[in-house]
Amino acid sequence: MKRFLFFASLLASGAVHAQVIFPKIDSTMKIGKVGYRVDCRNKSYTANPLSIKPVGFESGARDISFTLKGRVSGAQIDDLNRDGNPDLVLFIYADSNASSGTVYAFLSEGNKEIMPCVLPDVSMNPKIRTGYKGHDQFSMMEGTLVQRFPVYNAADSADKPTGGNRTVLYQVAKGEGGGYKFNMIKSYDAK
């Protein structure tokens, strides 16, 4: 939460181009006896080793390790697919000033395997992309992903958006081929 408030104060002060530092993530998060151990050093936004180890899963669930383009600003667990098992949510920023954000989710399939799910790029959605220039803030609310960002009007400078804020709500659903995808369920603007 402190990182979120720090980032919000950067936006309010107009210092949106400052280098944002995220501390390393080395945490185990569980609901009951099941969860995830997440390790990411957050040293570079261009190439960052990320390791996810399932905790309390059946033997078929494997560790996940890959090099992330970006840095993890936070990690939470929630039940995104509403199956009673914990899912991992990572909030990720892919640039030095933490303005270009996304979400990676790793969903438990009956505590036997882990399925990845990535938030679609806002710029690909004609319903919400008008006025979008990043500066995303993310949170979870009882299985629903909440994305909030400032809305820029055509004449706005990079550090002074005047179009208010847009909030977008997403839920996870089964996609084609048996995987998962984030579906936008609602968006609204506030001045």
Protein backbone atom coordinates (compact mmCIF):
# COMPACT_ATOMS: atom_id res chain seq x y z
CA MET A 1 0.00 0.00 0.00
CA LYS A 2 2.90 2.37 0.76
CA ARG A 3 4.23 1.93 -2.80
CA PHE A 4 0.78 2.68 -4.19
CA LEU A 5 0.50 5.87 -2.11
CA PHE A 6 4.04 6.87 -3.11
CA PHE A 7 3.15 6.42 -6.78
CA ALA A 8 -0.11 8.37 -6.35
CA SER A 9 1.83 11.24 -4.75
CA LEU A 10 4.24 11.23 -7.71
CA LEU A 11 1.29 11.57 -10.08
CA ALA A 12 -0.23 14.39 -8.05
CA SER A 13 3.06 16.29 -7.84
CA GLY A 14 3.67 16.09 -11.59
CA ALA A 15 6.89 14.09 -11.13
CA VAL A 16 5.68 11.29 -13.37
CA HIS A 17 9.05 10.90 -15.08
CA ALA A 18 11.00 10.11 -11.91
CA GLN A 19 12.72 6.74 -11.52
CA VAL A 20 10.49 4.63 -9.30
CA ILE A 21 12.23 2.07 -7.09
CA PHE A 22 10.44 -1.14 -6.17
CA PRO A 23 11.96 -3.25 -3.38
CA LYS A 24 12.66 -6.91 -4.00
CA ILE A 25 9.77 -9.30 -3.57
CA ASP A 26 10.55 -12.39 -1.50
CA SER A 27 7.32 -13.49 0.07
CA THR A 28 5.14 -16.50 0.75
CA MET A 29 1.39 -15.85 0.58
CA LYS A 30 -1.16 -18.48 1.58
CA ILE A 31 -4.83 -19.02 2.21
CA GLY A 32 -4.94 -21.86 4.70
CA LYS A 33 -2.16 -24.26 3.74
CA VAL A 34 -2.08 -23.43 0.02
CA GLY A 35 -0.37 -20.51 -1.69
CA TYR A 36 2.70 -19.26 -3.52
CA ARG A 37 6.27 -18.23 -2.81
CA VAL A 38 7.29 -15.33 -5.06
CA ASP A 39 10.87 -14.14 -5.56
CA CYS A 40 11.82 -11.20 -7.80
CA ARG A 41 14.85 -8.97 -7.18
CA ASN A 42 13.40 -5.98 -9.11
CA LYS A 43 16.86 -4.74 -10.09
CA SER A 44 16.15 -3.92 -13.74
CA TYR A 45 12.98 -3.15 -15.67
CA THR A 46 14.47 -4.67 -18.83
CA ALA A 47 15.24 -8.19 -17.53
CA ASN A 48 14.24 -9.45 -14.10
CA PRO A 49 14.34 -13.11 -12.99
CA LEU A 50 10.99 -14.12 -11.45
CA SER A 51 10.38 -17.36 -9.55
CA ILE A 52 6.98 -18.68 -8.41
CA LYS A 53 6.78 -21.83 -6.30
CA PRO A 54 3.44 -23.42 -5.44
CA VAL A 55 3.04 -24.19 -1.72
CA GLY A 56 0.72 -26.97 -0.54
CA PHE A 57 -0.32 -28.00 -4.06
CA GLU A 58 -0.57 -31.58 -5.22
CA SER A 59 2.57 -32.99 -6.81
CA GLY A 60 1.60 -32.04 -10.40
CA ALA A 61 2.00 -28.28 -9.80
CA ARG A 62 5.43 -27.18 -11.00
CA ASP A 63 7.62 -24.19 -10.17
CA ILE A 64 7.52 -21.34 -12.67
CA SER A 65 10.65 -19.33 -13.48
CA PHE A 66 11.19 -16.85 -16.29
CA THR A 67 12.79 -13.51 -17.05
CA LEU A 68 10.28 -10.72 -16.70
CA LYS A 69 10.40 -7.51 -18.76
CA GLY A 70 9.40 -5.21 -15.94
CA ARG A 71 9.36 -5.06 -12.17
CA VAL A 72 6.84 -6.43 -9.71
CA SER A 73 5.27 -3.66 -7.64
CA GLY A 74 3.11 -5.99 -5.60
CA ALA A 75 1.79 -9.52 -5.23
CA GLN A 76 -1.52 -10.70 -3.80
CA ILE A 77 -3.57 -13.84 -3.65
CA ASP A 78 -7.28 -13.99 -4.30
CA ASP A 79 -9.75 -16.46 -5.80
CA LEU A 80 -10.04 -15.09 -9.35
CA ASN A 81 -11.69 -18.12 -10.94
CA ARG A 82 -14.03 -18.64 -7.95
CA ASP A 83 -13.11 -22.28 -7.41
CA GLY A 84 -12.17 -22.01 -3.72
CA ASN A 85 -8.41 -22.22 -4.39
CA PRO A 86 -5.95 -19.30 -4.09
CA ASP A 87 -4.67 -17.62 -7.26
CA LEU A 88 -1.61 -15.39 -7.50
CA VAL A 89 -1.83 -11.82 -8.87
CA LEU A 90 1.30 -9.82 -9.78
CA PHE A 91 1.20 -6.07 -10.53
CA ILE A 92 3.96 -5.28 -13.02
CA TYR A 93 5.45 -2.09 -14.47
CA ALA A 94 7.54 -2.34 -17.63
CA ASP A 95 9.32 1.03 -17.59
CA SER A 96 11.59 3.02 -15.26
CA ASN A 97 8.95 5.53 -14.15
CA ALA A 98 6.22 2.92 -13.47
CA SER A 99 3.73 4.38 -15.92
CA SER A 100 3.14 1.33 -18.11
CA GLY A 101 1.44 -1.31 -15.98
CA THR A 102 -0.06 -4.73 -16.45
CA VAL A 103 -1.15 -7.72 -14.41
CA TYR A 104 -0.02 -11.34 -14.57
CA ALA A 105 -2.21 -13.88 -12.82
CA PHE A 106 -1.43 -17.51 -12.08
CA LEU A 107 -4.59 -19.49 -11.43
CA SER A 108 -4.82 -22.75 -9.53
CA GLU A 109 -6.61 -25.56 -11.30
CA GLY A 110 -7.83 -27.65 -8.36
CA ASN A 111 -4.43 -27.26 -6.66
CA LYS A 112 -3.01 -29.61 -9.30
CA GLU A 113 -1.60 -27.19 -11.88
CA ILE A 114 -1.14 -23.47 -12.47
CA MET A 115 -2.57 -21.64 -15.49
CA PRO A 116 -1.26 -18.19 -16.55
CA CYS A 117 -3.49 -15.23 -17.44
CA VAL A 118 -2.33 -11.78 -18.60
CA LEU A 119 -4.31 -8.53 -18.56
CA PRO A 120 -4.99 -7.32 -22.12
CA ASP A 121 -3.43 -4.02 -23.20
CA VAL A 122 -5.81 -1.06 -22.73
CA SER A 123 -4.70 0.43 -26.05
CA MET A 124 -6.26 -2.59 -27.82
CA ASN A 125 -9.75 -1.94 -26.41
CA PRO A 126 -11.66 0.82 -28.27
CA LYS A 127 -14.15 1.18 -25.37
CA ILE A 128 -11.53 2.39 -22.86
CA ARG A 129 -8.40 3.46 -24.77
CA THR A 130 -9.42 7.07 -25.54
CA GLY A 131 -7.30 9.32 -23.33
CA TYR A 132 -5.11 6.47 -22.05
CA LYS A 133 -1.40 7.16 -21.54
CA GLY A 134 -0.58 4.75 -18.76
CA HIS A 135 0.02 5.64 -15.09
CA ASP A 136 -1.99 2.58 -14.09
CA GLN A 137 -2.91 1.72 -10.51
CA PHE A 138 -4.13 -1.78 -9.67
CA SER A 139 -5.93 -3.42 -6.77
CA MET A 140 -8.05 -6.47 -6.04
CA MET A 141 -11.60 -6.45 -4.69
CA GLU A 142 -13.08 -9.86 -3.80
CA GLY A 143 -11.93 -11.66 -6.96
CA THR A 144 -12.31 -8.61 -9.22
CA LEU A 145 -9.30 -6.77 -10.64
CA VAL A 146 -9.57 -2.97 -10.48
CA GLN A 147 -7.47 -0.83 -12.85
CA ARG A 148 -7.47 2.96 -12.49
CA PHE A 149 -5.67 5.52 -14.65
CA PRO A 150 -5.84 9.25 -15.48
CA VAL A 151 -7.61 10.29 -18.68
CA TYR A 152 -5.74 12.70 -20.94
CA ASN A 153 -7.48 15.21 -23.19
CA ALA A 154 -5.86 16.07 -26.55
CA ALA A 155 -4.16 19.27 -25.31
CA ASP A 156 -2.90 17.84 -21.98
CA SER A 157 0.81 17.77 -21.20
CA ALA A 158 2.38 14.51 -20.02
CA ASP A 159 2.29 15.54 -16.35
CA LYS A 160 -1.12 17.27 -16.25
CA PRO A 161 -4.06 15.10 -17.30
CA THR A 162 -7.37 17.00 -17.14
CA GLY A 163 -9.87 14.31 -18.14
CA GLY A 164 -10.41 12.85 -14.67
CA ASN A 165 -9.85 9.17 -13.95
CA ARG A 166 -11.11 5.96 -15.53
CA THR A 167 -11.78 2.84 -13.48
CA VAL A 168 -12.03 -0.53 -15.22
CA LEU A 169 -13.21 -3.75 -13.55
CA TYR A 170 -12.16 -7.19 -14.80
CA GLN A 171 -13.06 -10.75 -13.91
CA VAL A 172 -11.38 -13.95 -15.02
CA ALA A 173 -13.27 -16.39 -17.24
CA LYS A 174 -12.42 -19.57 -19.11
CA GLY A 175 -11.04 -18.81 -22.54
CA GLU A 176 -10.81 -20.86 -25.68
CA GLY A 177 -8.53 -23.87 -25.40
CA GLY A 178 -9.10 -24.29 -21.66
CA GLY A 179 -7.02 -21.31 -20.47
CA TYR A 180 -8.17 -18.18 -18.67
CA LYS A 181 -8.60 -14.57 -19.76
CA PHE A 182 -9.47 -11.26 -18.13
CA ASN A 183 -12.85 -9.92 -19.29
CA MET A 184 -13.78 -6.28 -18.77
CA ILE A 185 -17.08 -6.22 -16.89
CA LYS A 186 -17.47 -2.46 -16.34
CA SER A 187 -15.74 0.87 -16.78
CA TYR A 188 -16.61 4.35 -15.60
CA ASP A 189 -15.05 7.81 -15.65
CA ALA A 190 -14.92 10.24 -12.73
CA LYS A 191 -14.01 13.91 -13.02
